[in-house]
Amino acid sequence: MLDTSARLLQLLALFQARRYWSGAELAARLEVTSRTLRRDVDRLRSLGYPVNATSGAAGGYQLGAGATLPPLLLDDDEAVAVAVGLRTAASGTISGIEESSLRALSKLQQVLPARLRERVNGLHAFILPLGNRGPVIDADVLTVIAAACSQRAKLRFDYRNRADVPTLRNVEPHRLVHTGRRWYLVAWDLDRADWRTFRLDRIQSGLSQGGSFVPRDPPEGDFVAYATKSVVYNSNEQRARILLEASAAVVGERLPPEFGSIEVLDENRCILETGIHSLDSQSVYLALLGLDFQVLEPPELVERIRWLAERFTHATRIGS
């Protein structure tokens, strides 16, 4: 039988692996009596772990949230994942958490076994951040908006639109969407009676919560799909439809989510719908995908690609 200290660690690991356990299950796992299990649970409580218990034939135990953060037990892969995540967060798109991330990473590295420390140090040594090219948002803004989404609380904030014009917005926040470079809020705009997507870095002062609201069904059935279309189309005057001779999975691996939406035709073809910032840049980008494609619309993009093809052909003949 395990000694008391080892058994407490095993009991804690079981609680963190699954939210709820019956008393009989835990006693069987630990190979102890119900009385010993109750004593072990009391010892965990004395260490700051809030273990909730229910009585009766179907009674059991559940690890709850306490006033302070007790120590966590992580397996090898979890520890490495947390270390990499903390390093990434320190140079990401959210300001105000860099120092906290590095402090937490330092604490984690101090207690990592040598074998895991080598894995983590190897990852940190050979994974270099290219640098954040997107706007940075304030961690407090992100926290307030996420809480409003969770609590179904209306929000009011000052916002600068694409034309850099300040506006006051009253919304029902539903979801936060992150593309890797930018953060967006998908919300129901109360003054415009319609769905809108807001870039978090354009939210100015005056962020405050209001009354509660009843959640609405996602626009077009999916928050992420709506945000993708909104980001792609609303920021561009012209749209394009491209037939790609590749599966949607292959195209999805080569294009960032904010580039456009993908419609599956069959296992070897799909249609990309995207906005056009520039006919030239769009033409070159499509060529560099390394996939056969056909422009369905607009005709201006077809003509631009044809013109560029003639230019490139002419360039290869010079000096020959």
Protein backbone atom coordinates (compact mmCIF):
# COMPACT_ATOMS: atom_id res chain seq x y z
CA MET A 1 0.00 0.00 0.00
CA LEU A 2 1.23 3.50 -0.76
CA ASP A 3 2.33 5.65 2.15
CA THR A 4 0.23 8.68 3.04
CA SER A 5 2.24 11.33 1.13
CA ALA A 6 2.42 9.30 -2.08
CA ARG A 7 -1.27 8.44 -1.78
CA LEU A 8 -2.20 12.12 -1.43
CA LEU A 9 -0.30 12.93 -4.61
CA GLN A 10 -2.07 10.12 -6.43
CA LEU A 11 -5.42 11.30 -5.11
CA LEU A 12 -4.70 14.85 -6.26
CA ALA A 13 -3.69 13.59 -9.71
CA LEU A 14 -6.98 11.70 -9.98
CA PHE A 15 -8.94 14.82 -9.05
CA GLN A 16 -7.13 16.90 -11.66
CA ALA A 17 -7.58 14.25 -14.35
CA ARG A 18 -11.36 14.01 -13.91
CA ARG A 19 -13.78 16.48 -12.38
CA TYR A 20 -15.98 14.07 -10.38
CA TRP A 21 -15.31 10.69 -8.72
CA SER A 22 -17.55 8.48 -6.67
CA GLY A 23 -16.22 7.48 -3.28
CA ALA A 24 -16.17 3.83 -4.29
CA GLU A 25 -14.12 4.55 -7.41
CA LEU A 26 -11.51 6.55 -5.53
CA ALA A 27 -11.20 3.99 -2.74
CA ALA A 28 -10.72 1.23 -5.32
CA ARG A 29 -8.11 3.21 -7.25
CA LEU A 30 -6.13 3.96 -4.07
CA GLU A 31 -6.75 0.52 -2.57
CA VAL A 32 -7.93 2.00 0.73
CA THR A 33 -11.06 1.91 2.83
CA SER A 34 -13.75 4.60 2.70
CA ARG A 35 -12.60 5.82 6.12
CA THR A 36 -8.98 6.25 4.93
CA LEU A 37 -10.24 8.03 1.81
CA ARG A 38 -12.18 10.53 3.95
CA ARG A 39 -9.06 11.21 6.02
CA ASP A 40 -7.01 11.77 2.86
CA VAL A 41 -9.62 14.17 1.53
CA ASP A 42 -9.48 16.10 4.81
CA ARG A 43 -5.68 16.32 4.50
CA LEU A 44 -6.02 17.78 0.98
CA ARG A 45 -8.46 20.34 2.32
CA SER A 46 -6.00 21.34 5.03
CA LEU A 47 -3.43 21.97 2.26
CA GLY A 48 -5.78 24.39 0.50
CA TYR A 49 -7.50 22.11 -2.01
CA PRO A 50 -11.26 22.72 -1.96
CA VAL A 51 -12.67 19.19 -2.24
CA ASN A 52 -16.46 19.13 -2.30
CA ALA A 53 -18.30 16.01 -1.13
CA THR A 54 -21.84 14.70 -1.68
CA SER A 55 -23.38 12.10 0.61
CA GLY A 56 -25.66 9.15 -0.05
CA ALA A 57 -25.36 5.93 -2.02
CA ALA A 58 -24.29 7.84 -5.14
CA GLY A 59 -22.11 10.27 -3.20
CA GLY A 60 -18.69 11.31 -4.36
CA TYR A 61 -15.99 13.96 -4.45
CA GLN A 62 -15.22 16.88 -6.71
CA LEU A 63 -12.28 19.28 -6.78
CA GLY A 64 -13.64 22.82 -6.72
CA ALA A 65 -12.22 26.31 -7.14
CA GLY A 66 -10.74 27.92 -4.06
CA ALA A 67 -9.70 31.39 -2.96
CA THR A 68 -6.06 30.68 -3.77
CA LEU A 69 -4.31 28.63 -6.44
CA PRO A 70 -2.98 25.39 -4.98
CA PRO A 71 -0.10 23.45 -6.62
CA LEU A 72 -0.94 21.58 -9.81
CA LEU A 73 0.26 18.17 -10.92
CA LEU A 74 1.28 18.05 -14.59
CA ASP A 75 2.44 15.10 -16.65
CA ASP A 76 5.46 15.45 -18.94
CA ASP A 77 3.59 16.56 -22.08
CA GLU A 78 1.43 18.99 -20.10
CA ALA A 79 4.48 20.60 -18.50
CA VAL A 80 6.20 21.08 -21.87
CA ALA A 81 3.01 22.49 -23.40
CA VAL A 82 2.62 25.00 -20.57
CA ALA A 83 6.26 26.09 -20.85
CA VAL A 84 6.00 26.67 -24.60
CA GLY A 85 2.69 28.50 -24.16
CA LEU A 86 4.14 30.82 -21.52
CA ARG A 87 7.14 31.65 -23.73
CA THR A 88 4.82 32.39 -26.66
CA ALA A 89 2.55 34.55 -24.51
CA ALA A 90 5.50 36.68 -23.48
CA SER A 91 5.97 37.84 -27.08
CA GLY A 92 2.40 37.64 -28.34
CA THR A 93 -0.38 40.06 -29.20
CA ILE A 94 -1.58 40.75 -25.63
CA SER A 95 0.16 43.47 -23.65
CA GLY A 96 0.39 43.43 -19.88
CA ILE A 97 1.04 39.70 -19.46
CA GLU A 98 4.66 39.53 -20.63
CA GLU A 99 6.23 39.87 -17.16
CA SER A 100 3.69 37.51 -15.55
CA SER A 101 4.32 34.91 -18.26
CA LEU A 102 8.09 35.05 -17.74
CA ARG A 103 7.70 34.83 -13.94
CA ALA A 104 5.47 31.77 -14.27
CA LEU A 105 7.88 30.22 -16.78
CA SER A 106 10.80 30.76 -14.40
CA LYS A 107 8.94 29.04 -11.57
CA LEU A 108 8.01 26.12 -13.78
CA GLN A 109 11.57 25.63 -15.06
CA GLN A 110 12.91 25.53 -11.47
CA VAL A 111 10.88 22.43 -10.67
CA LEU A 112 11.10 20.62 -14.01
CA PRO A 113 13.00 17.32 -13.97
CA ALA A 114 16.28 17.38 -15.91
CA ARG A 115 14.83 15.38 -18.83
CA LEU A 116 11.99 17.88 -19.29
CA ARG A 117 14.22 20.90 -18.74
CA GLU A 118 16.34 19.74 -21.68
CA ARG A 119 13.27 19.41 -23.91
CA VAL A 120 11.99 22.85 -22.97
CA ASN A 121 15.39 24.54 -23.32
CA GLY A 122 15.82 22.90 -26.71
CA LEU A 123 12.49 24.26 -27.89
CA HIS A 124 13.28 27.75 -26.62
CA ALA A 125 16.75 27.73 -28.17
CA PHE A 126 15.67 26.73 -31.67
CA ILE A 127 12.22 28.32 -31.97
CA LEU A 128 12.73 32.00 -32.75
CA PRO A 129 9.85 34.51 -32.72
CA LEU A 130 9.63 36.45 -35.98
CA GLY A 131 8.14 39.35 -34.08
CA ASN A 132 4.56 40.46 -33.73
CA ARG A 133 3.33 42.21 -36.87
CA GLY A 134 -0.19 42.71 -35.69
CA PRO A 135 -1.61 45.22 -33.24
CA VAL A 136 -1.20 44.57 -29.53
CA ILE A 137 -4.23 44.68 -27.25
CA ASP A 138 -4.42 45.32 -23.54
CA ALA A 139 -4.89 42.26 -21.34
CA ASP A 140 -7.44 44.11 -19.18
CA VAL A 141 -9.58 44.89 -22.24
CA LEU A 142 -9.51 41.24 -23.27
CA THR A 143 -10.43 40.13 -19.75
CA VAL A 144 -13.38 42.53 -19.45
CA ILE A 145 -14.80 41.53 -22.84
CA ALA A 146 -14.36 37.80 -22.20
CA ALA A 147 -16.13 38.19 -18.84
CA ALA A 148 -19.00 40.07 -20.50
CA CYS A 149 -19.39 37.26 -23.05
CA SER A 150 -19.44 34.68 -20.26
CA GLN A 151 -21.80 36.64 -18.01
CA ARG A 152 -24.05 37.73 -20.91
CA ALA A 153 -23.58 41.38 -19.99
CA LYS A 154 -24.08 44.19 -22.48
CA LEU A 155 -21.07 46.34 -23.33
CA ARG A 156 -20.60 49.99 -24.21
CA PHE A 157 -17.35 51.32 -25.62
CA ASP A 158 -15.78 54.00 -27.79
CA TYR A 159 -14.68 52.56 -31.12
CA ARG A 160 -12.74 53.79 -34.14
CA ASN A 161 -13.97 52.29 -37.40
CA ARG A 162 -11.99 51.55 -40.57
CA ALA A 163 -12.12 55.24 -41.53
CA ASP A 164 -10.70 56.11 -38.08
CA VAL A 165 -13.96 57.83 -37.13
CA PRO A 166 -14.84 57.60 -33.41
CA THR A 167 -18.23 56.07 -32.58
CA LEU A 168 -20.05 54.94 -29.44
CA ARG A 169 -21.17 51.32 -29.65
CA ASN A 170 -23.72 49.44 -27.55
CA VAL A 171 -23.50 45.70 -28.07
CA GLU A 172 -24.36 42.25 -26.83
CA PRO A 173 -20.97 40.44 -26.86
CA HIS A 174 -21.08 36.78 -27.87
CA ARG A 175 -17.64 35.50 -28.88
CA LEU A 176 -13.97 36.48 -29.14
CA VAL A 177 -12.17 35.27 -32.27
CA HIS A 178 -8.39 35.19 -32.62
CA THR A 179 -6.68 34.83 -36.01
CA GLY A 180 -3.13 34.67 -34.69
CA ARG A 181 -2.45 38.32 -35.57
CA ARG A 182 -5.62 40.08 -34.48
CA TRP A 183 -8.43 39.73 -31.97
CA TYR A 184 -12.08 40.32 -32.91
CA LEU A 185 -15.34 40.57 -30.98
CA VAL A 186 -18.48 39.17 -32.63
CA ALA A 187 -21.43 41.02 -31.14
CA TRP A 188 -25.01 42.09 -31.78
CA ASP A 189 -25.02 45.86 -32.32
CA LEU A 190 -28.07 47.19 -30.47
CA ASP A 191 -28.17 50.54 -32.29
CA ARG A 192 -27.90 48.97 -35.76
CA ALA A 193 -29.96 45.86 -34.93
CA ASP A 194 -27.48 43.60 -36.69
CA TRP A 195 -24.35 41.51 -36.16
CA ARG A 196 -21.01 43.27 -36.25
CA THR A 197 -17.33 42.32 -35.89
CA PHE A 198 -15.08 44.68 -33.90
CA ARG A 199 -11.28 44.70 -33.83
CA LEU A 200 -10.21 44.81 -30.19
CA ASP A 201 -7.26 47.10 -30.87
CA ARG A 202 -9.73 49.74 -32.14
CA ILE A 203 -11.70 49.77 -28.90
CA GLN A 204 -10.85 52.99 -27.11
CA SER A 205 -11.77 54.27 -23.65
CA GLY A 206 -15.14 53.99 -21.98
CA LEU A 207 -15.44 50.19 -21.88
CA SER A 208 -18.22 49.40 -19.42
CA GLN A 209 -20.77 46.69 -18.73
CA GLY A 210 -24.52 47.16 -18.74
CA GLY A 211 -27.57 44.96 -18.17
CA SER A 212 -27.89 41.31 -19.12
CA PHE A 213 -29.09 39.90 -22.43
CA VAL A 214 -30.41 36.64 -23.84
CA PRO A 215 -27.87 34.96 -26.17
CA ARG A 216 -28.75 34.86 -29.86
CA ASP A 217 -28.12 32.10 -32.37
CA PRO A 218 -24.80 32.48 -34.21
CA PRO A 219 -24.97 34.57 -37.40
CA GLU A 220 -25.03 32.29 -40.45
CA GLY A 221 -24.88 29.38 -38.01
CA ASP A 222 -21.25 29.81 -36.94
CA PHE A 223 -19.36 32.61 -35.16
CA VAL A 224 -15.98 31.78 -36.70
CA ALA A 225 -17.34 31.58 -40.26
CA TYR A 226 -19.13 34.90 -39.81
CA ALA A 227 -16.02 36.57 -38.38
CA THR A 228 -13.92 35.24 -41.27
CA LYS A 229 -16.28 36.63 -43.89
CA SER A 230 -16.61 39.91 -42.03
CA VAL A 231 -12.85 40.36 -41.73
CA VAL A 232 -12.22 39.46 -45.37
CA TYR A 233 -15.09 41.28 -47.05
CA ASN A 234 -15.79 44.31 -44.95
CA SER A 235 -12.24 45.55 -45.22
CA ASN A 236 -12.13 45.28 -49.02
CA GLU A 237 -14.14 46.88 -51.79
CA GLN A 238 -13.90 43.93 -54.18
CA ARG A 239 -14.42 40.19 -53.80
CA ALA A 240 -12.94 37.25 -55.65
CA ARG A 241 -13.97 33.62 -56.19
CA ILE A 242 -11.16 31.24 -57.04
CA LEU A 243 -11.52 27.58 -58.06
CA LEU A 244 -8.56 25.67 -56.60
CA GLU A 245 -7.54 22.22 -57.81
CA ALA A 246 -6.86 20.89 -54.32
CA SER A 247 -8.75 19.62 -51.32
CA ALA A 248 -10.06 22.06 -48.73
CA ALA A 249 -7.68 20.50 -46.19
CA VAL A 250 -4.64 21.25 -48.36
CA VAL A 251 -5.78 24.83 -49.02
CA GLY A 252 -6.51 25.36 -45.34
CA GLU A 253 -2.94 24.42 -44.47
CA ARG A 254 -1.53 27.01 -46.88
CA LEU A 255 -3.82 29.96 -46.20
CA PRO A 256 -4.38 31.87 -42.94
CA PRO A 257 -8.02 31.81 -41.71
CA GLU A 258 -8.48 35.54 -42.26
CA PHE A 259 -7.56 35.25 -45.95
CA GLY A 260 -10.98 33.94 -46.91
CA SER A 261 -13.58 31.20 -46.68
CA ILE A 262 -13.34 27.81 -48.37
CA GLU A 263 -16.27 26.01 -50.01
CA VAL A 264 -15.82 22.28 -50.62
CA LEU A 265 -16.77 21.03 -54.10
CA ASP A 266 -15.35 17.51 -53.87
CA GLU A 267 -12.33 15.76 -52.41
CA ASN A 268 -9.98 17.36 -54.96
CA ARG A 269 -11.48 20.81 -55.55
CA CYS A 270 -12.73 23.77 -53.56
CA ILE A 271 -13.66 27.42 -54.04
CA LEU A 272 -11.89 30.20 -52.19
CA GLU A 273 -13.87 33.39 -51.54
CA THR A 274 -11.69 36.30 -50.53
CA GLY A 275 -11.40 40.06 -50.66
CA ILE A 276 -8.98 41.95 -52.86
CA HIS A 277 -6.60 44.51 -51.42
CA SER A 278 -4.63 44.75 -54.66
CA LEU A 279 -5.00 42.98 -58.01
CA ASP A 280 -1.23 42.64 -58.30
CA SER A 281 -0.67 41.22 -54.80
CA GLN A 282 -3.64 38.87 -55.19
CA SER A 283 -2.29 37.56 -58.51
CA VAL A 284 1.18 36.90 -57.12
CA TYR A 285 -0.19 35.31 -53.94
CA LEU A 286 -2.31 32.87 -55.96
CA ALA A 287 0.67 31.97 -58.12
CA LEU A 288 2.84 31.30 -55.07
CA LEU A 289 0.29 28.89 -53.59
CA GLY A 290 1.70 26.22 -55.89
CA LEU A 291 -1.80 25.01 -56.83
CA ASP A 292 -3.65 25.00 -60.14
CA PHE A 293 -6.45 27.54 -60.04
CA GLN A 294 -9.06 29.33 -62.11
CA VAL A 295 -10.42 32.79 -61.35
CA LEU A 296 -14.21 32.72 -61.49
CA GLU A 297 -14.61 36.38 -60.63
CA PRO A 298 -13.97 39.28 -60.93
CA PRO A 299 -12.94 39.70 -64.58
CA GLU A 300 -10.50 42.46 -63.55
CA LEU A 301 -8.41 39.87 -61.70
CA VAL A 302 -8.40 37.60 -64.76
CA GLU A 303 -7.12 40.44 -66.94
CA ARG A 304 -4.46 41.38 -64.38
CA ILE A 305 -3.15 37.82 -64.18
CA ARG A 306 -3.06 37.65 -68.00
CA TRP A 307 -1.12 40.93 -68.15
CA LEU A 308 1.35 39.76 -65.50
CA ALA A 309 1.82 36.44 -67.29
CA GLU A 310 2.77 38.32 -70.47
CA ARG A 311 5.21 40.47 -68.51
CA PHE A 312 6.85 37.43 -66.93
CA THR A 313 7.04 35.65 -70.27
CA HIS A 314 8.65 38.70 -71.85
CA ALA A 315 11.16 38.89 -68.99
CA THR A 316 12.32 35.31 -69.61
CA ARG A 317 13.04 36.11 -73.26
CA ILE A 318 15.33 39.06 -72.55
CA GLY A 319 18.92 38.19 -73.41
CA SER A 320 18.04 34.82 -74.91
